[in-house]
Amino acid sequence: MKLLRLTLLTLLILALLLVASIISFSIGMAQFESAQPQFSWLQWGCDAVVGLLTWPTRWLWTPWASTHLPNSFEWLLLLVNCGLWALLINCAAHWVTRGASR
């Protein structure tokens, strides 16, 4: 049961990360093509979500790694990163519910 919950949470975090990336990129491209770019709270929020959810492992993907390692390794690293976030969220939820039952 815990493995299923972690897997589903990992996939949910991955989906959130991909959707936030696409939204941020879309808004940024629309602003790039317009003559008067405007500040967008939605783009700022999506950038913050992407920055937060890629935080622990984004420093491992360096320019050297980008040129010398296959793209499949980058996707694997992203999946592991989402798994770490799922584990952190699961542990925090367990800690909060265990503390509430005392």
C-alpha atoms as a PDB file:
ATOM      1  CA  MET A   1       0.000   0.000   0.000  1.00  0.00           C
ATOM      2  CA  LYS A   2       2.785   2.420   0.864  1.00  0.00           C
ATOM      3  CA  LEU A   3       4.615   1.632  -2.360  1.00  0.00           C
ATOM      4  CA  LEU A   4       1.457   2.314  -4.369  1.00  0.00           C
ATOM      5  CA  ARG A   5       0.926   5.600  -2.529  1.00  0.00           C
ATOM      6  CA  LEU A   6       4.536   6.642  -3.142  1.00  0.00           C
ATOM      7  CA  THR A   7       4.294   5.698  -6.812  1.00  0.00           C
ATOM      8  CA  LEU A   8       1.076   7.641  -7.318  1.00  0.00           C
ATOM      9  CA  LEU A   9       2.442  10.652  -5.456  1.00  0.00           C
ATOM     10  CA  THR A  10       5.639  10.516  -7.543  1.00  0.00           C
ATOM     11  CA  LEU A  11       3.616  10.487 -10.766  1.00  0.00           C
ATOM     12  CA  LEU A  12       1.416  13.313  -9.496  1.00  0.00           C
ATOM     13  CA  ILE A  13       4.459  15.434  -8.680  1.00  0.00           C
ATOM     14  CA  LEU A  14       5.970  14.634 -12.083  1.00  0.00           C
ATOM     15  CA  ALA A  15       2.729  15.670 -13.802  1.00  0.00           C
ATOM     16  CA  LEU A  16       2.577  18.902 -11.778  1.00  0.00           C
ATOM     17  CA  LEU A  17       6.175  19.642 -12.686  1.00  0.00           C
ATOM     18  CA  LEU A  18       5.604  19.060 -16.393  1.00  0.00           C
ATOM     19  CA  VAL A  19       2.370  21.087 -16.490  1.00  0.00           C
ATOM     20  CA  ALA A  20       3.986  23.990 -14.617  1.00  0.00           C
ATOM     21  CA  SER A  21       6.939  23.896 -17.030  1.00  0.00           C
ATOM     22  CA  ILE A  22       4.672  23.962 -20.064  1.00  0.00           C
ATOM     23  CA  ILE A  23       2.544  26.812 -18.693  1.00  0.00           C
ATOM     24  CA  SER A  24       5.604  28.869 -17.786  1.00  0.00           C
ATOM     25  CA  PHE A  25       7.195  28.262 -21.194  1.00  0.00           C
ATOM     26  CA  SER A  26       3.961  29.122 -23.036  1.00  0.00           C
ATOM     27  CA  ILE A  27       3.483  32.396 -21.197  1.00  0.00           C
ATOM     28  CA  GLY A  28       7.152  33.267 -21.640  1.00  0.00           C
ATOM     29  CA  MET A  29       7.029  32.637 -25.387  1.00  0.00           C
ATOM     30  CA  ALA A  30       3.879  34.734 -25.750  1.00  0.00           C
ATOM     31  CA  GLN A  31       5.595  37.582 -23.911  1.00  0.00           C
ATOM     32  CA  PHE A  32       8.724  37.146 -25.995  1.00  0.00           C
ATOM     33  CA  GLU A  33       6.748  37.521 -29.212  1.00  0.00           C
ATOM     34  CA  SER A  34       4.762  40.553 -28.045  1.00  0.00           C
ATOM     35  CA  ALA A  35       6.093  44.077 -28.270  1.00  0.00           C
ATOM     36  CA  GLN A  36       5.204  44.827 -24.648  1.00  0.00           C
ATOM     37  CA  PRO A  37       5.936  41.949 -22.276  1.00  0.00           C
ATOM     38  CA  GLN A  38       3.857  42.059 -19.102  1.00  0.00           C
ATOM     39  CA  PHE A  39       4.524  40.582 -15.695  1.00  0.00           C
ATOM     40  CA  SER A  40       2.490  37.420 -15.112  1.00  0.00           C
ATOM     41  CA  TRP A  41       1.777  36.062 -11.659  1.00  0.00           C
ATOM     42  CA  LEU A  42       0.914  32.718 -13.203  1.00  0.00           C
ATOM     43  CA  GLN A  43       4.291  32.468 -14.893  1.00  0.00           C
ATOM     44  CA  TRP A  44       6.040  33.554 -11.706  1.00  0.00           C
ATOM     45  CA  GLY A  45       4.137  30.922  -9.704  1.00  0.00           C
ATOM     46  CA  CYS A  46       4.867  28.180 -12.245  1.00  0.00           C
ATOM     47  CA  ASP A  47       8.551  29.147 -12.269  1.00  0.00           C
ATOM     48  CA  ALA A  48       8.576  28.912  -8.470  1.00  0.00           C
ATOM     49  CA  VAL A  49       6.931  25.466  -8.539  1.00  0.00           C
ATOM     50  CA  VAL A  50       9.412  24.208 -11.138  1.00  0.00           C
ATOM     51  CA  GLY A  51      12.331  25.668  -9.208  1.00  0.00           C
ATOM     52  CA  LEU A  52      11.169  24.077  -5.973  1.00  0.00           C
ATOM     53  CA  LEU A  53      10.332  20.646  -7.366  1.00  0.00           C
ATOM     54  CA  THR A  54      13.608  20.329  -9.274  1.00  0.00           C
ATOM     55  CA  TRP A  55      15.680  21.708  -6.415  1.00  0.00           C
ATOM     56  CA  PRO A  56      17.728  18.873  -4.965  1.00  0.00           C
ATOM     57  CA  THR A  57      18.873  17.316  -8.215  1.00  0.00           C
ATOM     58  CA  ARG A  58      18.963  20.204 -10.678  1.00  0.00           C
ATOM     59  CA  TRP A  59      22.491  21.021  -9.511  1.00  0.00           C
ATOM     60  CA  LEU A  60      23.596  17.537 -10.575  1.00  0.00           C
ATOM     61  CA  TRP A  61      22.655  18.193 -14.199  1.00  0.00           C
ATOM     62  CA  THR A  62      25.594  20.350 -15.255  1.00  0.00           C
ATOM     63  CA  PRO A  63      26.616  21.460 -18.759  1.00  0.00           C
ATOM     64  CA  TRP A  64      29.154  18.620 -18.730  1.00  0.00           C
ATOM     65  CA  ALA A  65      26.436  16.096 -17.905  1.00  0.00           C
ATOM     66  CA  SER A  66      24.216  17.565 -20.602  1.00  0.00           C
ATOM     67  CA  THR A  67      26.824  16.942 -23.298  1.00  0.00           C
ATOM     68  CA  HIS A  68      28.266  13.631 -22.063  1.00  0.00           C
ATOM     69  CA  LEU A  69      25.266  11.743 -20.674  1.00  0.00           C
ATOM     70  CA  PRO A  70      22.187  10.527 -22.560  1.00  0.00           C
ATOM     71  CA  ASN A  71      18.846  12.303 -22.193  1.00  0.00           C
ATOM     72  CA  SER A  72      17.359   9.161 -20.670  1.00  0.00           C
ATOM     73  CA  PHE A  73      19.635   9.714 -17.675  1.00  0.00           C
ATOM     74  CA  GLU A  74      18.200  13.198 -17.257  1.00  0.00           C
ATOM     75  CA  TRP A  75      14.659  11.791 -17.241  1.00  0.00           C
ATOM     76  CA  LEU A  76      15.702   9.137 -14.734  1.00  0.00           C
ATOM     77  CA  LEU A  77      17.203  11.840 -12.520  1.00  0.00           C
ATOM     78  CA  LEU A  78      13.955  13.818 -12.759  1.00  0.00           C
ATOM     79  CA  LEU A  79      11.929  10.736 -11.810  1.00  0.00           C
ATOM     80  CA  VAL A  80      14.213  10.041  -8.832  1.00  0.00           C
ATOM     81  CA  ASN A  81      13.846  13.680  -7.800  1.00  0.00           C
ATOM     82  CA  CYS A  82      10.039  13.405  -7.884  1.00  0.00           C
ATOM     83  CA  GLY A  83      10.320  10.195  -5.869  1.00  0.00           C
ATOM     84  CA  LEU A  84      12.355  12.016  -3.237  1.00  0.00           C
ATOM     85  CA  TRP A  85       9.686  14.708  -2.995  1.00  0.00           C
ATOM     86  CA  ALA A  86       6.992  12.026  -2.694  1.00  0.00           C
ATOM     87  CA  LEU A  87       8.931  10.343   0.095  1.00  0.00           C
ATOM     88  CA  LEU A  88       9.395  13.671   1.884  1.00  0.00           C
ATOM     89  CA  ILE A  89       5.690  14.508   1.613  1.00  0.00           C
ATOM     90  CA  ASN A  90       4.732  11.011   2.776  1.00  0.00           C
ATOM     91  CA  CYS A  91       7.073  11.210   5.780  1.00  0.00           C
ATOM     92  CA  ALA A  92       5.773  14.671   6.689  1.00  0.00           C
ATOM     93  CA  ALA A  93       2.163  13.465   6.471  1.00  0.00           C
ATOM     94  CA  HIS A  94       3.002  10.449   8.624  1.00  0.00           C
ATOM     95  CA  TRP A  95       4.753  12.655  11.182  1.00  0.00           C
ATOM     96  CA  VAL A  96       1.817  15.082  11.342  1.00  0.00           C
ATOM     97  CA  THR A  97      -0.807  12.336  11.681  1.00  0.00           C
ATOM     98  CA  ARG A  98       1.272  10.446  14.244  1.00  0.00           C
ATOM     99  CA  GLY A  99       1.669  13.642  16.259  1.00  0.00           C
ATOM    100  CA  ALA A 100      -2.074  14.317  16.071  1.00  0.00           C
ATOM    101  CA  SER A 101      -2.883  10.884  17.500  1.00  0.00           C
ATOM    102  CA  ARG A 102      -0.830  11.418  20.652  1.00  0.00           C
END
